[in-house]
Amino acid sequence: MININYIKVIIIVFNIFLINNCWGNELVYVKKTYFTNQPKSSISATSTDETTKWFDDYPKAESNDELEIGFYLPKDFGLTFRKNKIAGVHKGAATKYVCILGLCSYVSGGIVSGNSSTDTISYQIDSWQIMLDKLFKLNDTILIKPRFGINFLDTSLSFSGVGENISEKQIIPLPFLGFHSEIYFNSVYSLYLDSNFFKYKESKISVNFNDTSIGINSQINKYIKITAGYKKYDFGISNKGGSSNISFNIEQKTPFVAVTLSY
């Protein structure tokens, strides 16, 4: 549902800009980014009494590209939607601490229950970043856009193992601050830095989010721009206390290429 609703919002805003084309020469841009390296993810879970522990033996995550749509608003404001998806599968074992003949160790829960199947945790995160920024020109060659926004994480999680199958869906809204800065060398080439970040921590729960990229733009013509750069994406959440201590982290460090079409 969240995907459909956001698409409707983008269409409505786009129609408004088509009607009010006197607001500027450029109304909207569409940017498609392609990543080279896949993200790395990790899951850690241990019961507070340390009798049960998850061993994350074979983690695998995938995120190949990103879509960004931006609108130029009056008075140098801008509205941007950034969409990407990360999917992962973790194969391992939920183990129990048992003692046999005086020897104590963590043993697979499947062995204890008589089921030798591998435990699997899989997830999918659809990230929708909605950003509002304000343009400031320091001089003819340097600009900066401070911004604030909300990152809606549309998440689905499933667990299967020892005869159980559990699935859960949840939407997590994360506010964030950020900026976009750019230095123009000439009418063709420019260097940019873009970053969004959020961090929250209290006694039991901590959340961190960082989406930073740096790149060189090459303006091919009035409508097309090519970008090459490097991106670091980091999202982590941990919950300590209650019956278990759980942490989940995704990190992606990757070169990228991007194509931007402006209208």
Protein backbone atom coordinates (compact mmCIF):
# COMPACT_ATOMS: atom_id res chain seq x y z
CA MET A 1 0.00 0.00 0.00
CA ILE A 2 2.76 2.45 0.79
CA ASN A 3 4.20 2.16 -2.72
CA ILE A 4 0.89 2.98 -4.39
CA ASN A 5 0.22 5.94 -2.12
CA TYR A 6 3.65 7.47 -2.77
CA ILE A 7 3.27 7.04 -6.52
CA LYS A 8 -0.04 8.90 -6.33
CA VAL A 9 1.62 11.76 -4.44
CA ILE A 10 4.40 11.99 -7.04
CA ILE A 11 1.86 12.11 -9.89
CA ILE A 12 -0.17 14.85 -8.17
CA VAL A 13 2.91 17.00 -7.55
CA PHE A 14 4.11 16.44 -11.10
CA ASN A 15 0.74 17.57 -12.49
CA ILE A 16 0.89 20.71 -10.36
CA PHE A 17 4.28 21.56 -11.80
CA LEU A 18 3.11 21.03 -15.36
CA ILE A 19 0.28 23.48 -14.77
CA ASN A 20 2.59 26.05 -13.13
CA ASN A 21 5.41 25.84 -15.67
CA CYS A 22 6.16 29.52 -15.21
CA TRP A 23 7.86 28.73 -11.88
CA GLY A 24 11.19 27.92 -13.53
CA ASN A 25 12.95 26.57 -16.58
CA GLU A 26 13.35 23.11 -14.99
CA LEU A 27 10.34 21.50 -13.37
CA VAL A 28 11.42 17.98 -12.50
CA TYR A 29 14.34 15.58 -12.73
CA VAL A 30 14.51 11.79 -12.68
CA LYS A 31 17.73 10.11 -11.54
CA LYS A 32 18.50 6.41 -11.82
CA THR A 33 21.54 5.06 -9.94
CA TYR A 34 23.18 1.66 -10.48
CA PHE A 35 25.35 0.09 -7.76
CA THR A 36 28.43 -2.09 -8.25
CA ASN A 37 28.76 -3.82 -4.85
CA GLN A 38 26.08 -5.59 -2.84
CA PRO A 39 25.34 -4.66 0.80
CA LYS A 40 26.44 -6.67 3.81
CA SER A 41 23.98 -7.42 6.57
CA SER A 42 24.29 -9.08 9.97
CA ILE A 43 21.87 -10.31 12.63
CA SER A 44 22.79 -10.91 16.25
CA ALA A 45 20.35 -12.35 18.79
CA THR A 46 21.04 -13.74 22.25
CA SER A 47 18.64 -14.37 25.09
CA THR A 48 19.32 -12.29 28.20
CA ASP A 49 20.04 -15.45 30.18
CA GLU A 50 22.46 -16.48 27.36
CA THR A 51 20.86 -19.92 26.97
CA THR A 52 19.75 -19.29 23.35
CA LYS A 53 21.82 -17.73 20.57
CA TRP A 54 21.51 -17.17 16.81
CA PHE A 55 24.54 -18.09 14.70
CA ASP A 56 24.51 -16.02 11.49
CA ASP A 57 26.35 -18.51 9.24
CA TYR A 58 25.38 -17.50 5.69
CA PRO A 59 24.14 -13.90 5.37
CA LYS A 60 23.32 -12.52 1.93
CA ALA A 61 21.81 -9.17 0.88
CA GLU A 62 21.02 -7.50 -2.43
CA SER A 63 20.45 -3.90 -3.55
CA ASN A 64 21.13 -3.06 -7.18
CA ASP A 65 19.76 0.39 -7.93
CA GLU A 66 17.99 3.48 -6.70
CA LEU A 67 15.38 5.84 -8.16
CA GLU A 68 15.14 9.54 -7.32
CA ILE A 69 12.52 12.05 -8.49
CA GLY A 70 12.92 15.74 -7.65
CA PHE A 71 10.71 18.79 -8.14
CA TYR A 72 11.85 22.41 -8.28
CA LEU A 73 9.61 24.55 -6.07
CA PRO A 74 9.24 28.35 -6.00
CA LYS A 75 11.67 30.46 -3.91
CA ASP A 76 14.52 27.96 -4.35
CA PHE A 77 12.84 25.11 -2.47
CA GLY A 78 12.96 21.52 -3.67
CA LEU A 79 10.98 18.34 -3.01
CA THR A 80 12.63 14.96 -3.56
CA PHE A 81 11.53 11.32 -3.42
CA ARG A 82 14.24 8.65 -3.20
CA LYS A 83 13.37 4.95 -3.47
CA ASN A 84 15.52 1.86 -3.02
CA LYS A 85 15.04 -1.74 -1.97
CA ILE A 86 17.22 -4.08 0.07
CA ALA A 87 16.44 -7.79 0.33
CA GLY A 88 18.36 -10.35 2.34
CA VAL A 89 18.43 -13.98 3.45
CA HIS A 90 20.28 -15.26 6.51
CA LYS A 91 20.81 -18.98 6.97
CA GLY A 92 22.11 -20.18 10.30
CA ALA A 93 20.96 -21.82 13.49
CA ALA A 94 19.07 -20.83 16.59
CA THR A 95 21.04 -22.71 19.23
CA LYS A 96 20.48 -23.64 22.85
CA TYR A 97 23.11 -23.94 25.55
CA VAL A 98 22.99 -27.54 26.81
CA CYS A 99 25.25 -29.78 28.89
CA ILE A 100 25.78 -33.46 28.09
CA LEU A 101 27.94 -35.64 30.35
CA GLY A 102 29.53 -32.55 31.83
CA LEU A 103 30.35 -31.01 28.45
CA CYS A 104 28.48 -27.76 27.75
CA SER A 105 28.06 -26.05 24.39
CA TYR A 106 25.58 -24.34 22.07
CA VAL A 107 23.62 -26.95 20.11
CA SER A 108 21.21 -26.34 17.23
CA GLY A 109 17.60 -26.07 18.33
CA GLY A 110 16.69 -28.30 15.42
CA ILE A 111 18.84 -31.09 16.82
CA VAL A 112 17.26 -30.68 20.26
CA SER A 113 13.75 -30.89 18.80
CA GLY A 114 14.57 -33.69 16.35
CA ASN A 115 14.32 -31.39 13.30
CA SER A 116 17.62 -30.93 11.47
CA SER A 117 16.40 -28.27 8.97
CA THR A 118 18.38 -25.06 8.66
CA ASP A 119 16.91 -21.93 10.22
CA THR A 120 16.29 -19.08 7.77
CA ILE A 121 15.59 -15.40 8.34
CA SER A 122 14.63 -13.36 5.27
CA TYR A 123 13.66 -9.71 4.94
CA GLN A 124 12.82 -7.00 2.44
CA ILE A 125 13.08 -3.26 3.12
CA ASP A 126 11.53 -0.74 0.74
CA SER A 127 12.98 2.64 1.67
CA TRP A 128 11.12 5.85 0.71
CA GLN A 129 13.00 9.04 1.56
CA ILE A 130 10.89 12.22 1.27
CA MET A 131 13.05 15.37 1.43
CA LEU A 132 12.42 19.12 1.43
CA ASP A 133 15.44 21.37 0.81
CA LYS A 134 16.32 25.05 0.39
CA LEU A 135 18.94 26.29 -2.08
CA PHE A 136 21.64 28.74 -0.99
CA LYS A 137 24.29 30.00 -3.44
CA LEU A 138 27.52 30.94 -1.69
CA ASN A 139 28.91 32.32 -4.96
CA ASP A 140 28.72 31.55 -8.66
CA THR A 141 30.39 28.13 -8.27
CA ILE A 142 29.31 26.79 -4.84
CA LEU A 143 25.79 25.90 -3.70
CA ILE A 144 24.39 24.11 -0.66
CA LYS A 145 20.95 22.71 0.09
CA PRO A 146 20.16 21.98 3.77
CA ARG A 147 17.26 19.56 4.07
CA PHE A 148 15.07 17.62 6.40
CA GLY A 149 12.90 14.62 5.63
CA ILE A 150 11.30 11.34 6.63
CA ASN A 151 12.47 7.88 5.63
CA PHE A 152 9.59 5.40 5.53
CA LEU A 153 10.92 1.85 5.83
CA ASP A 154 8.31 -0.59 4.55
CA THR A 155 9.66 -3.83 6.02
CA SER A 156 8.69 -7.48 5.82
CA LEU A 157 10.39 -10.20 7.88
CA SER A 158 9.96 -13.96 7.90
CA PHE A 159 11.51 -16.74 9.96
CA SER A 160 11.41 -20.46 9.30
CA GLY A 161 13.00 -23.27 11.26
CA VAL A 162 12.37 -26.13 13.72
CA GLY A 163 8.85 -26.57 12.36
CA GLU A 164 7.82 -22.90 12.69
CA ASN A 165 7.08 -20.24 10.06
CA ILE A 166 6.59 -16.66 11.25
CA SER A 167 6.11 -13.55 9.09
CA GLU A 168 5.62 -9.92 10.04
CA LYS A 169 5.20 -6.58 8.23
CA GLN A 170 5.78 -3.11 9.61
CA ILE A 171 6.27 0.48 8.46
CA ILE A 172 8.97 2.40 10.36
CA PRO A 173 9.16 6.21 9.91
CA LEU A 174 12.57 7.75 10.60
CA PRO A 175 13.05 11.54 10.51
CA PHE A 176 16.43 12.75 9.33
CA LEU A 177 18.52 15.82 8.54
CA GLY A 178 20.80 16.21 5.56
CA PHE A 179 22.34 18.42 2.92
CA HIS A 180 23.42 18.52 -0.70
CA SER A 181 26.44 20.62 -1.69
CA GLU A 182 27.93 21.13 -5.13
CA ILE A 183 31.02 22.83 -6.59
CA TYR A 184 30.99 23.76 -10.28
CA PHE A 185 34.34 23.66 -12.10
CA ASN A 186 32.81 24.86 -15.37
CA SER A 187 29.56 24.49 -17.32
CA VAL A 188 30.14 20.74 -17.77
CA TYR A 189 31.75 19.27 -14.63
CA SER A 190 30.85 19.57 -10.96
CA LEU A 191 31.65 17.77 -7.71
CA TYR A 192 28.89 17.02 -5.21
CA LEU A 193 28.43 15.65 -1.70
CA ASP A 194 25.03 14.39 -0.51
CA SER A 195 24.24 13.10 2.99
CA ASN A 196 21.21 12.17 5.10
CA PHE A 197 21.60 11.02 8.69
CA PHE A 198 19.62 10.09 11.81
CA LYS A 199 20.65 8.67 15.17
CA TYR A 200 18.62 7.81 18.25
CA LYS A 201 19.67 6.04 21.43
CA GLU A 202 18.12 5.43 24.79
CA SER A 203 18.60 2.82 27.46
CA LYS A 204 17.30 -0.19 25.49
CA ILE A 205 16.81 0.87 21.86
CA SER A 206 19.23 2.46 19.40
CA VAL A 207 18.71 3.32 15.72
CA ASN A 208 21.17 4.78 13.22
CA PHE A 209 20.74 5.72 9.57
CA ASN A 210 23.25 7.26 7.18
CA ASP A 211 23.02 7.68 3.41
CA THR A 212 26.04 9.51 1.99
CA SER A 213 27.39 9.75 -1.55
CA ILE A 214 30.06 11.74 -3.34
CA GLY A 215 30.42 12.01 -7.08
CA ILE A 216 31.43 13.90 -10.22
CA ASN A 217 28.70 15.15 -12.56
CA SER A 218 29.13 15.54 -16.30
CA GLN A 219 26.47 17.61 -18.06
CA ILE A 220 26.02 15.96 -21.46
CA ASN A 221 23.44 18.45 -22.70
CA LYS A 222 20.58 20.53 -21.34
CA TYR A 223 18.54 17.48 -20.34
CA ILE A 224 21.02 14.67 -19.58
CA LYS A 225 23.65 14.37 -16.83
CA ILE A 226 25.96 11.44 -16.11
CA THR A 227 27.38 10.86 -12.62
CA ALA A 228 30.11 8.56 -11.29
CA GLY A 229 30.76 8.30 -7.58
CA TYR A 230 30.87 6.35 -4.34
CA LYS A 231 28.06 5.67 -1.89
CA LYS A 232 27.91 4.53 1.73
CA TYR A 233 24.58 3.39 3.17
CA ASP A 234 24.26 2.27 6.78
CA PHE A 235 21.16 1.27 8.72
CA GLY A 236 21.21 -0.39 12.13
CA ILE A 237 18.78 -1.08 14.92
CA SER A 238 19.26 -2.83 18.27
CA ASN A 239 16.98 -3.69 21.16
CA LYS A 240 18.50 -4.73 24.46
CA GLY A 241 16.47 -5.91 27.37
CA GLY A 242 13.36 -8.00 27.82
CA SER A 243 13.82 -11.63 26.87
CA SER A 244 16.66 -11.11 24.36
CA ASN A 245 19.29 -8.75 22.97
CA ILE A 246 18.85 -8.27 19.23
CA SER A 247 20.73 -6.19 16.68
CA PHE A 248 20.37 -5.87 12.91
CA ASN A 249 22.71 -3.95 10.62
CA ILE A 250 23.00 -3.28 6.88
CA GLU A 251 26.00 -1.58 5.31
CA GLN A 252 26.63 -0.94 1.64
CA LYS A 253 29.84 0.64 0.31
CA THR A 254 29.78 0.80 -3.44
CA PRO A 255 30.88 2.71 -6.54
CA PHE A 256 27.98 3.75 -8.74
CA VAL A 257 26.99 5.36 -12.00
CA ALA A 258 23.84 7.42 -12.45
CA VAL A 259 21.85 9.02 -15.25
CA THR A 260 19.73 12.13 -14.64
CA LEU A 261 17.05 13.47 -16.99
CA SER A 262 15.81 17.03 -16.36
CA TYR A 263 12.67 18.57 -17.83
